[in-house]
Amino acid sequence: MVQDLVVSPLSGDFGSNLTVTAQSSINNPNPLKIYYTTDHTAPTTNSMLYSGSIVISNDTTFNWLATRWGYAPQYATNAYRYVPPLMFQPGVGTYSTQSRPV
């Protein structure tokens, strides 16, 4: 079984454009082919062939399929959730720049 697919970063939250990469963790003369989907379907060898970093800017789930001649396939899933940065906007009013002891 192919067990050397490494996706970075791991699943999680992000607040601005995120670059996702997938690669083999070992050097093998048989190249690792990585296919993926982002529509919640299982990837096949007819899915998108990974060819380099992917930049995402919204909620995205990657379903991965890693294949290598002579090995059983490896499947993996990574989910990323966009969390917008907090923006503080003071309410309407008059504000002073003077500080006062508490």
PDB file of N, CA and C in Angstrom:
ATOM      1  N   MET A   1       0.840  -1.184   0.000  1.00  0.00           N
ATOM      2  CA  MET A   1       0.000   0.000   0.000  1.00  0.00           C
ATOM      3  C   MET A   1       0.883   1.245   0.000  1.00  0.00           C
ATOM      4  N   VAL A   2       0.485   2.228  -0.791  1.00  0.00           N
ATOM      5  CA  VAL A   2       1.172   3.520  -0.765  1.00  0.00           C
ATOM      6  C   VAL A   2       0.874   4.135   0.596  1.00  0.00           C
ATOM      7  N   GLN A   3       1.889   4.514   1.344  1.00  0.00           N
ATOM      8  CA  GLN A   3       1.670   5.122   2.655  1.00  0.00           C
ATOM      9  C   GLN A   3       2.583   6.321   2.856  1.00  0.00           C
ATOM     10  N   ASP A   4       2.929   6.977   1.767  1.00  0.00           N
ATOM     11  CA  ASP A   4       3.883   8.069   1.904  1.00  0.00           C
ATOM     12  C   ASP A   4       3.339   9.411   1.427  1.00  0.00           C
ATOM     13  N   LEU A   5       2.007   9.527   1.272  1.00  0.00           N
ATOM     14  CA  LEU A   5       1.420  10.807   0.895  1.00  0.00           C
ATOM     15  C   LEU A   5       1.488  11.756   2.084  1.00  0.00           C
ATOM     16  N   VAL A   6       2.047  12.934   1.855  1.00  0.00           N
ATOM     17  CA  VAL A   6       2.146  13.963   2.892  1.00  0.00           C
ATOM     18  C   VAL A   6       1.473  15.222   2.359  1.00  0.00           C
ATOM     19  N   VAL A   7       0.455  15.692   3.087  1.00  0.00           N
ATOM     20  CA  VAL A   7      -0.259  16.914   2.718  1.00  0.00           C
ATOM     21  C   VAL A   7       0.058  17.963   3.765  1.00  0.00           C
ATOM     22  N   SER A   8       0.366  19.161   3.302  1.00  0.00           N
ATOM     23  CA  SER A   8       0.724  20.239   4.224  1.00  0.00           C
ATOM     24  C   SER A   8       0.009  21.506   3.799  1.00  0.00           C
ATOM     25  N   PRO A   9      -0.522  22.263   4.741  1.00  0.00           N
ATOM     26  CA  PRO A   9      -0.595  21.986   6.167  1.00  0.00           C
ATOM     27  C   PRO A   9      -1.681  20.949   6.463  1.00  0.00           C
ATOM     28  N   LEU A  10      -1.684  20.478   7.708  1.00  0.00           N
ATOM     29  CA  LEU A  10      -2.723  19.559   8.139  1.00  0.00           C
ATOM     30  C   LEU A  10      -4.061  20.286   8.117  1.00  0.00           C
ATOM     31  N   SER A  11      -5.144  19.538   8.167  1.00  0.00           N
ATOM     32  CA  SER A  11      -6.484  20.126   8.212  1.00  0.00           C
ATOM     33  C   SER A  11      -6.577  21.164   9.317  1.00  0.00           C
ATOM     34  N   GLY A  12      -7.446  22.160   9.124  1.00  0.00           N
ATOM     35  CA  GLY A  12      -7.631  23.153  10.174  1.00  0.00           C
ATOM     36  C   GLY A  12      -8.214  24.445   9.637  1.00  0.00           C
ATOM     37  N   ASP A  13      -8.176  25.460  10.496  1.00  0.00           N
ATOM     38  CA  ASP A  13      -8.711  26.776  10.171  1.00  0.00           C
ATOM     39  C   ASP A  13      -7.606  27.666   9.603  1.00  0.00           C
ATOM     40  N   PHE A  14      -8.011  28.627   8.755  1.00  0.00           N
ATOM     41  CA  PHE A  14      -7.059  29.600   8.231  1.00  0.00           C
ATOM     42  C   PHE A  14      -7.774  30.930   8.056  1.00  0.00           C
ATOM     43  N   GLY A  15      -7.010  32.027   8.057  1.00  0.00           N
ATOM     44  CA  GLY A  15      -7.603  33.356   8.009  1.00  0.00           C
ATOM     45  C   GLY A  15      -7.274  34.161   6.775  1.00  0.00           C
ATOM     46  N   SER A  16      -6.396  33.672   5.928  1.00  0.00           N
ATOM     47  CA  SER A  16      -6.083  34.337   4.661  1.00  0.00           C
ATOM     48  C   SER A  16      -5.696  33.244   3.673  1.00  0.00           C
ATOM     49  N   ASN A  17      -5.432  33.613   2.433  1.00  0.00           N
ATOM     50  CA  ASN A  17      -5.114  32.595   1.425  1.00  0.00           C
ATOM     51  C   ASN A  17      -4.169  31.545   1.996  1.00  0.00           C
ATOM     52  N   LEU A  18      -4.460  30.293   1.695  1.00  0.00           N
ATOM     53  CA  LEU A  18      -3.677  29.174   2.219  1.00  0.00           C
ATOM     54  C   LEU A  18      -3.152  28.350   1.059  1.00  0.00           C
ATOM     55  N   THR A  19      -1.871  28.012   1.091  1.00  0.00           N
ATOM     56  CA  THR A  19      -1.263  27.172   0.066  1.00  0.00           C
ATOM     57  C   THR A  19      -1.185  25.746   0.578  1.00  0.00           C
ATOM     58  N   VAL A  20      -1.791  24.819  -0.166  1.00  0.00           N
ATOM     59  CA  VAL A  20      -1.818  23.409   0.196  1.00  0.00           C
ATOM     60  C   VAL A  20      -0.900  22.661  -0.761  1.00  0.00           C
ATOM     61  N   THR A  21      -0.047  21.805  -0.196  1.00  0.00           N
ATOM     62  CA  THR A  21       0.853  20.992  -1.022  1.00  0.00           C
ATOM     63  C   THR A  21       0.678  19.521  -0.681  1.00  0.00           C
ATOM     64  N   ALA A  22       0.945  18.681  -1.650  1.00  0.00           N
ATOM     65  CA  ALA A  22       0.891  17.226  -1.465  1.00  0.00           C
ATOM     66  C   ALA A  22       2.119  16.637  -2.146  1.00  0.00           C
ATOM     67  N   GLN A  23       2.726  15.665  -1.481  1.00  0.00           N
ATOM     68  CA  GLN A  23       3.933  15.060  -2.052  1.00  0.00           C
ATOM     69  C   GLN A  23       4.216  13.714  -1.402  1.00  0.00           C
ATOM     70  N   SER A  24       5.186  13.024  -1.942  1.00  0.00           N
ATOM     71  CA  SER A  24       5.639  11.767  -1.380  1.00  0.00           C
ATOM     72  C   SER A  24       6.678  12.049  -0.308  1.00  0.00           C
ATOM     73  N   SER A  25       6.646  11.266   0.758  1.00  0.00           N
ATOM     74  CA  SER A  25       7.627  11.454   1.830  1.00  0.00           C
ATOM     75  C   SER A  25       8.900  10.642   1.602  1.00  0.00           C
ATOM     76  N   ILE A  26       8.935   9.828   0.547  1.00  0.00           N
ATOM     77  CA  ILE A  26      10.120   9.009   0.282  1.00  0.00           C
ATOM     78  C   ILE A  26      10.554   9.165  -1.173  1.00  0.00           C
ATOM     79  N   ASN A  27      11.783   8.822  -1.435  1.00  0.00           N
ATOM     80  CA  ASN A  27      12.309   8.816  -2.791  1.00  0.00           C
ATOM     81  C   ASN A  27      12.128   7.401  -3.328  1.00  0.00           C
ATOM     82  N   ASN A  28      11.340   7.259  -4.385  1.00  0.00           N
ATOM     83  CA  ASN A  28      11.045   5.950  -4.953  1.00  0.00           C
ATOM     84  C   ASN A  28      11.148   6.084  -6.460  1.00  0.00           C
ATOM     85  N   PRO A  29      11.765   5.113  -7.129  1.00  0.00           N
ATOM     86  CA  PRO A  29      11.897   5.222  -8.589  1.00  0.00           C
ATOM     87  C   PRO A  29      10.548   5.190  -9.310  1.00  0.00           C
ATOM     88  N   ASN A  30       9.523   4.609  -8.678  1.00  0.00           N
ATOM     89  CA  ASN A  30       8.177   4.639  -9.258  1.00  0.00           C
ATOM     90  C   ASN A  30       7.488   5.906  -8.767  1.00  0.00           C
ATOM     91  N   PRO A  31       7.156   6.828  -9.650  1.00  0.00           N
ATOM     92  CA  PRO A  31       6.593   8.109  -9.211  1.00  0.00           C
ATOM     93  C   PRO A  31       5.226   7.945  -8.550  1.00  0.00           C
ATOM     94  N   LEU A  32       4.982   8.780  -7.572  1.00  0.00           N
ATOM     95  CA  LEU A  32       3.688   8.835  -6.903  1.00  0.00           C
ATOM     96  C   LEU A  32       2.790   9.744  -7.732  1.00  0.00           C
ATOM     97  N   LYS A  33       1.621   9.253  -8.112  1.00  0.00           N
ATOM     98  CA  LYS A  33       0.632  10.079  -8.802  1.00  0.00           C
ATOM     99  C   LYS A  33      -0.443  10.408  -7.790  1.00  0.00           C
ATOM    100  N   ILE A  34      -0.768  11.688  -7.700  1.00  0.00           N
ATOM    101  CA  ILE A  34      -1.731  12.159  -6.714  1.00  0.00           C
ATOM    102  C   ILE A  34      -2.913  12.785  -7.445  1.00  0.00           C
ATOM    103  N   TYR A  35      -4.094  12.268  -7.146  1.00  0.00           N
ATOM    104  CA  TYR A  35      -5.332  12.782  -7.725  1.00  0.00           C
ATOM    105  C   TYR A  35      -6.166  13.353  -6.583  1.00  0.00           C
ATOM    106  N   TYR A  36      -7.050  14.301  -6.909  1.00  0.00           N
ATOM    107  CA  TYR A  36      -7.856  14.887  -5.842  1.00  0.00           C
ATOM    108  C   TYR A  36      -9.195  15.399  -6.362  1.00  0.00           C
ATOM    109  N   THR A  37     -10.128  15.541  -5.421  1.00  0.00           N
ATOM    110  CA  THR A  37     -11.402  16.194  -5.689  1.00  0.00           C
ATOM    111  C   THR A  37     -11.646  17.206  -4.572  1.00  0.00           C
ATOM    112  N   THR A  38     -12.497  18.185  -4.855  1.00  0.00           N
ATOM    113  CA  THR A  38     -12.897  19.157  -3.837  1.00  0.00           C
ATOM    114  C   THR A  38     -14.417  19.251  -3.762  1.00  0.00           C
ATOM    115  N   ASP A  39     -15.116  18.315  -4.376  1.00  0.00           N
ATOM    116  CA  ASP A  39     -16.584  18.346  -4.391  1.00  0.00           C
ATOM    117  C   ASP A  39     -17.189  17.250  -3.516  1.00  0.00           C
ATOM    118  N   HIS A  40     -16.429  16.753  -2.573  1.00  0.00           N
ATOM    119  CA  HIS A  40     -16.863  15.740  -1.602  1.00  0.00           C
ATOM    120  C   HIS A  40     -17.098  14.361  -2.222  1.00  0.00           C
ATOM    121  N   THR A  41     -16.607  14.148  -3.436  1.00  0.00           N
ATOM    122  CA  THR A  41     -16.703  12.821  -4.048  1.00  0.00           C
ATOM    123  C   THR A  41     -15.363  12.103  -3.872  1.00  0.00           C
ATOM    124  N   ALA A  42     -15.404  10.794  -3.994  1.00  0.00           N
ATOM    125  CA  ALA A  42     -14.173  10.003  -3.890  1.00  0.00           C
ATOM    126  C   ALA A  42     -13.345  10.190  -5.155  1.00  0.00           C
ATOM    127  N   PRO A  43     -12.043  10.445  -4.996  1.00  0.00           N
ATOM    128  CA  PRO A  43     -11.199  10.627  -6.182  1.00  0.00           C
ATOM    129  C   PRO A  43     -10.921   9.303  -6.893  1.00  0.00           C
ATOM    130  N   THR A  44     -10.721   9.406  -8.184  1.00  0.00           N
ATOM    131  CA  THR A  44     -10.329   8.265  -9.010  1.00  0.00           C
ATOM    132  C   THR A  44      -9.157   8.714  -9.881  1.00  0.00           C
ATOM    133  N   THR A  45      -8.658   7.817 -10.701  1.00  0.00           N
ATOM    134  CA  THR A  45      -7.575   8.196 -11.613  1.00  0.00           C
ATOM    135  C   THR A  45      -8.084   9.078 -12.755  1.00  0.00           C
ATOM    136  N   ASN A  46      -9.384   9.351 -12.785  1.00  0.00           N
ATOM    137  CA  ASN A  46      -9.957  10.304 -13.745  1.00  0.00           C
ATOM    138  C   ASN A  46     -10.156  11.676 -13.112  1.00  0.00           C
ATOM    139  N   SER A  47      -9.849  11.814 -11.819  1.00  0.00           N
ATOM    140  CA  SER A  47      -9.986  13.091 -11.118  1.00  0.00           C
ATOM    141  C   SER A  47      -8.828  14.013 -11.497  1.00  0.00           C
ATOM    142  N   MET A  48      -8.833  15.223 -10.919  1.00  0.00           N
ATOM    143  CA  MET A  48      -7.744  16.178 -11.175  1.00  0.00           C
ATOM    144  C   MET A  48      -6.414  15.571 -10.741  1.00  0.00           C
ATOM    145  N   LEU A  49      -5.415  15.644 -11.602  1.00  0.00           N
ATOM    146  CA  LEU A  49      -4.069  15.181 -11.267  1.00  0.00           C
ATOM    147  C   LEU A  49      -3.326  16.334 -10.606  1.00  0.00           C
ATOM    148  N   TYR A  50      -2.832  16.112  -9.401  1.00  0.00           N
ATOM    149  CA  TYR A  50      -2.101  17.151  -8.676  1.00  0.00           C
ATOM    150  C   TYR A  50      -0.799  17.449  -9.406  1.00  0.00           C
ATOM    151  N   SER A  51      -0.536  18.748  -9.622  1.00  0.00           N
ATOM    152  CA  SER A  51       0.685  19.119 -10.334  1.00  0.00           C
ATOM    153  C   SER A  51       1.486  20.198  -9.620  1.00  0.00           C
ATOM    154  N   GLY A  52       1.018  20.634  -8.464  1.00  0.00           N
ATOM    155  CA  GLY A  52       1.737  21.663  -7.725  1.00  0.00           C
ATOM    156  C   GLY A  52       0.840  22.305  -6.690  1.00  0.00           C
ATOM    157  N   SER A  53       1.391  23.226  -5.928  1.00  0.00           N
ATOM    158  CA  SER A  53       0.677  23.886  -4.840  1.00  0.00           C
ATOM    159  C   SER A  53      -0.677  24.414  -5.288  1.00  0.00           C
ATOM    160  N   ILE A  54      -1.648  24.347  -4.365  1.00  0.00           N
ATOM    161  CA  ILE A  54      -3.000  24.844  -4.628  1.00  0.00           C
ATOM    162  C   ILE A  54      -3.296  25.914  -3.577  1.00  0.00           C
ATOM    163  N   VAL A  55      -3.708  27.098  -4.021  1.00  0.00           N
ATOM    164  CA  VAL A  55      -4.050  28.185  -3.109  1.00  0.00           C
ATOM    165  C   VAL A  55      -5.564  28.207  -2.943  1.00  0.00           C
ATOM    166  N   ILE A  56      -6.019  28.189  -1.678  1.00  0.00           N
ATOM    167  CA  ILE A  56      -7.451  28.250  -1.401  1.00  0.00           C
ATOM    168  C   ILE A  56      -7.755  29.501  -0.585  1.00  0.00           C
ATOM    169  N   SER A  57      -9.006  29.979  -0.699  1.00  0.00           N
ATOM    170  CA  SER A  57      -9.393  31.180   0.030  1.00  0.00           C
ATOM    171  C   SER A  57     -10.773  31.032   0.682  1.00  0.00           C
ATOM    172  N   ASN A  58     -11.323  29.819   0.650  1.00  0.00           N
ATOM    173  CA  ASN A  58     -12.596  29.567   1.322  1.00  0.00           C
ATOM    174  C   ASN A  58     -12.623  28.123   1.826  1.00  0.00           C
ATOM    175  N   ASP A  59     -13.712  27.736   2.483  1.00  0.00           N
ATOM    176  CA  ASP A  59     -13.814  26.373   3.008  1.00  0.00           C
ATOM    177  C   ASP A  59     -13.573  25.377   1.871  1.00  0.00           C
ATOM    178  N   THR A  60     -12.657  24.451   2.097  1.00  0.00           N
ATOM    179  CA  THR A  60     -12.326  23.466   1.065  1.00  0.00           C
ATOM    180  C   THR A  60     -11.998  22.137   1.716  1.00  0.00           C
ATOM    181  N   THR A  61     -12.546  21.067   1.157  1.00  0.00           N
ATOM    182  CA  THR A  61     -12.187  19.717   1.580  1.00  0.00           C
ATOM    183  C   THR A  61     -11.542  19.019   0.395  1.00  0.00           C
ATOM    184  N   PHE A  62     -10.341  18.530   0.600  1.00  0.00           N
ATOM    185  CA  PHE A  62      -9.631  17.763  -0.415  1.00  0.00           C
ATOM    186  C   PHE A  62      -9.773  16.283  -0.100  1.00  0.00           C
ATOM    187  N   ASN A  63     -10.171  15.512  -1.091  1.00  0.00           N
ATOM    188  CA  ASN A  63     -10.125  14.057  -1.010  1.00  0.00           C
ATOM    189  C   ASN A  63      -9.005  13.630  -1.945  1.00  0.00           C
ATOM    190  N   TRP A  64      -8.030  12.927  -1.393  1.00  0.00           N
ATOM    191  CA  TRP A  64      -6.811  12.575  -2.126  1.00  0.00           C
ATOM    192  C   TRP A  64      -6.782  11.083  -2.462  1.00  0.00           C
ATOM    193  N   LEU A  65      -6.164  10.772  -3.572  1.00  0.00           N
ATOM    194  CA  LEU A  65      -5.856   9.406  -3.973  1.00  0.00           C
ATOM    195  C   LEU A  65      -4.402   9.398  -4.427  1.00  0.00           C
ATOM    196  N   ALA A  66      -3.582   8.602  -3.765  1.00  0.00           N
ATOM    197  CA  ALA A  66      -2.173   8.471  -4.151  1.00  0.00           C
ATOM    198  C   ALA A  66      -1.968   7.079  -4.733  1.00  0.00           C
ATOM    199  N   THR A  67      -1.381   7.026  -5.920  1.00  0.00           N
ATOM    200  CA  THR A  67      -1.142   5.738  -6.573  1.00  0.00           C
ATOM    201  C   THR A  67       0.319   5.628  -6.981  1.00  0.00           C
ATOM    202  N   ARG A  68       0.797   4.406  -6.968  1.00  0.00           N
ATOM    203  CA  ARG A  68       2.160   4.106  -7.420  1.00  0.00           C
ATOM    204  C   ARG A  68       2.116   2.695  -7.979  1.00  0.00           C
ATOM    205  N   TRP A  69       2.720   2.519  -9.140  1.00  0.00           N
ATOM    206  CA  TRP A  69       2.706   1.207  -9.776  1.00  0.00           C
ATOM    207  C   TRP A  69       3.234   0.154  -8.810  1.00  0.00           C
ATOM    208  N   GLY A  70       2.500  -0.937  -8.675  1.00  0.00           N
ATOM    209  CA  GLY A  70       2.921  -2.041  -7.831  1.00  0.00           C
ATOM    210  C   GLY A  70       2.452  -1.952  -6.383  1.00  0.00           C
ATOM    211  N   TYR A  71       1.721  -0.902  -6.023  1.00  0.00           N
ATOM    212  CA  TYR A  71       1.250  -0.711  -4.651  1.00  0.00           C
ATOM    213  C   TYR A  71      -0.263  -0.484  -4.652  1.00  0.00           C
ATOM    214  N   ALA A  72      -0.902  -0.859  -3.554  1.00  0.00           N
ATOM    215  CA  ALA A  72      -2.325  -0.538  -3.377  1.00  0.00           C
ATOM    216  C   ALA A  72      -2.450   0.967  -3.155  1.00  0.00           C
ATOM    217  N   PRO A  73      -3.558   1.571  -3.544  1.00  0.00           N
ATOM    218  CA  PRO A  73      -3.712   3.026  -3.415  1.00  0.00           C
ATOM    219  C   PRO A  73      -3.872   3.475  -1.963  1.00  0.00           C
ATOM    220  N   GLN A  74      -3.593   4.754  -1.746  1.00  0.00           N
ATOM    221  CA  GLN A  74      -3.788   5.390  -0.442  1.00  0.00           C
ATOM    222  C   GLN A  74      -4.809   6.507  -0.617  1.00  0.00           C
ATOM    223  N   TYR A  75      -5.764   6.574   0.306  1.00  0.00           N
ATOM    224  CA  TYR A  75      -6.768   7.637   0.310  1.00  0.00           C
ATOM    225  C   TYR A  75      -6.577   8.498   1.547  1.00  0.00           C
ATOM    226  N   ALA A  76      -6.843   9.789   1.414  1.00  0.00           N
ATOM    227  CA  ALA A  76      -6.735  10.706   2.555  1.00  0.00           C
ATOM    228  C   ALA A  76      -7.695  11.864   2.327  1.00  0.00           C
ATOM    229  N   THR A  77      -8.057  12.521   3.419  1.00  0.00           N
ATOM    230  CA  THR A  77      -8.928  13.694   3.360  1.00  0.00           C
ATOM    231  C   THR A  77      -8.359  14.782   4.241  1.00  0.00           C
ATOM    232  N   ASN A  78      -8.365  16.001   3.731  1.00  0.00           N
ATOM    233  CA  ASN A  78      -7.963  17.177   4.505  1.00  0.00           C
ATOM    234  C   ASN A  78      -9.035  18.239   4.326  1.00  0.00           C
ATOM    235  N   ALA A  79      -9.503  18.797   5.442  1.00  0.00           N
ATOM    236  CA  ALA A  79     -10.541  19.830   5.399  1.00  0.00           C
ATOM    237  C   ALA A  79      -9.995  21.123   5.994  1.00  0.00           C
ATOM    238  N   TYR A  80     -10.271  22.214   5.310  1.00  0.00           N
ATOM    239  CA  TYR A  80      -9.801  23.531   5.729  1.00  0.00           C
ATOM    240  C   TYR A  80     -11.007  24.454   5.851  1.00  0.00           C
ATOM    241  N   ARG A  81     -11.063  25.207   6.928  1.00  0.00           N
ATOM    242  CA  ARG A  81     -12.182  26.121   7.163  1.00  0.00           C
ATOM    243  C   ARG A  81     -11.667  27.547   7.228  1.00  0.00           C
ATOM    244  N   TYR A  82     -12.263  28.399   6.393  1.00  0.00           N
ATOM    245  CA  TYR A  82     -11.890  29.807   6.387  1.00  0.00           C
ATOM    246  C   TYR A  82     -12.580  30.503   7.554  1.00  0.00           C
ATOM    247  N   VAL A  83     -11.784  31.159   8.376  1.00  0.00           N
ATOM    248  CA  VAL A  83     -12.292  31.945   9.503  1.00  0.00           C
ATOM    249  C   VAL A  83     -11.815  33.368   9.281  1.00  0.00           C
ATOM    250  N   PRO A  84     -12.735  34.281   8.939  1.00  0.00           N
ATOM    251  CA  PRO A  84     -12.306  35.649   8.656  1.00  0.00           C
ATOM    252  C   PRO A  84     -11.651  36.282   9.875  1.00  0.00           C
ATOM    253  N   PRO A  85     -10.660  37.123   9.653  1.00  0.00           N
ATOM    254  CA  PRO A  85     -10.019  37.808  10.776  1.00  0.00           C
ATOM    255  C   PRO A  85     -11.032  38.706  11.476  1.00  0.00           C
ATOM    256  N   LEU A  86     -10.888  38.843  12.782  1.00  0.00           N
ATOM    257  CA  LEU A  86     -11.772  39.720  13.543  1.00  0.00           C
ATOM    258  C   LEU A  86     -11.463  41.167  13.199  1.00  0.00           C
ATOM    259  N   MET A  87     -12.491  41.928  12.979  1.00  0.00           N
ATOM    260  CA  MET A  87     -12.330  43.355  12.689  1.00  0.00           C
ATOM    261  C   MET A  87     -13.052  44.128  13.782  1.00  0.00           C
ATOM    262  N   PHE A  88     -12.329  44.965  14.466  1.00  0.00           N
ATOM    263  CA  PHE A  88     -12.945  45.783  15.503  1.00  0.00           C
ATOM    264  C   PHE A  88     -13.297  47.127  14.914  1.00  0.00           C
ATOM    265  N   GLN A  89     -14.544  47.475  15.025  1.00  0.00           N
ATOM    266  CA  GLN A  89     -14.994  48.788  14.574  1.00  0.00           C
ATOM    267  C   GLN A  89     -15.743  49.429  15.735  1.00  0.00           C
ATOM    268  N   PRO A  90     -15.180  50.484  16.309  1.00  0.00           N
ATOM    269  CA  PRO A  90     -15.856  51.125  17.438  1.00  0.00           C
ATOM    270  C   PRO A  90     -17.198  51.706  17.010  1.00  0.00           C
ATOM    271  N   GLY A  91     -18.116  51.742  17.949  1.00  0.00           N
ATOM    272  CA  GLY A  91     -19.427  52.302  17.679  1.00  0.00           C
ATOM    273  C   GLY A  91     -19.359  53.809  17.482  1.00  0.00           C
ATOM    274  N   VAL A  92     -20.462  54.371  17.086  1.00  0.00           N
ATOM    275  CA  VAL A  92     -20.559  55.802  16.861  1.00  0.00           C
ATOM    276  C   VAL A  92     -20.381  56.518  18.195  1.00  0.00           C
ATOM    277  N   GLY A  93     -19.623  57.590  18.209  1.00  0.00           N
ATOM    278  CA  GLY A  93     -19.424  58.365  19.427  1.00  0.00           C
ATOM    279  C   GLY A  93     -18.207  59.240  19.323  1.00  0.00           C
ATOM    280  N   THR A  94     -17.847  59.860  20.426  1.00  0.00           N
ATOM    281  CA  THR A  94     -16.677  60.718  20.504  1.00  0.00           C
ATOM    282  C   THR A  94     -15.637  59.997  21.333  1.00  0.00           C
ATOM    283  N   TYR A  95     -14.422  59.949  20.845  1.00  0.00           N
ATOM    284  CA  TYR A  95     -13.348  59.229  21.530  1.00  0.00           C
ATOM    285  C   TYR A  95     -12.189  60.165  21.781  1.00  0.00           C
ATOM    286  N   SER A  96     -11.518  59.939  22.889  1.00  0.00           N
ATOM    287  CA  SER A  96     -10.371  60.737  23.263  1.00  0.00           C
ATOM    288  C   SER A  96      -9.111  59.894  23.157  1.00  0.00           C
ATOM    289  N   THR A  97      -8.017  60.510  22.841  1.00  0.00           N
ATOM    290  CA  THR A  97      -6.749  59.772  22.786  1.00  0.00           C
ATOM    291  C   THR A  97      -6.053  59.772  24.129  1.00  0.00           C
ATOM    292  N   GLN A  98      -6.620  60.465  25.121  1.00  0.00           N
ATOM    293  CA  GLN A  98      -6.004  60.509  26.443  1.00  0.00           C
ATOM    294  C   GLN A  98      -6.289  59.196  27.158  1.00  0.00           C
ATOM    295  N   SER A  99      -5.277  58.726  27.859  1.00  0.00           N
ATOM    296  CA  SER A  99      -5.486  57.514  28.652  1.00  0.00           C
ATOM    297  C   SER A  99      -5.692  57.908  30.106  1.00  0.00           C
ATOM    298  N   ARG A 100      -6.430  57.105  30.796  1.00  0.00           N
ATOM    299  CA  ARG A 100      -6.725  57.381  32.205  1.00  0.00           C
ATOM    300  C   ARG A 100      -6.336  56.150  33.013  1.00  0.00           C
ATOM    301  N   PRO A 101      -5.818  56.372  34.217  1.00  0.00           N
ATOM    302  CA  PRO A 101      -5.516  55.222  35.065  1.00  0.00           C
ATOM    303  C   PRO A 101      -6.775  54.459  35.404  1.00  0.00           C
ATOM    304  N   VAL A 102      -6.633  53.175  35.545  1.00  0.00           N
ATOM    305  CA  VAL A 102      -7.778  52.330  35.890  1.00  0.00           C
ATOM    306  C   VAL A 102      -7.885  52.151  37.370  1.00  0.00           C
TER     307      VAL A 102
END
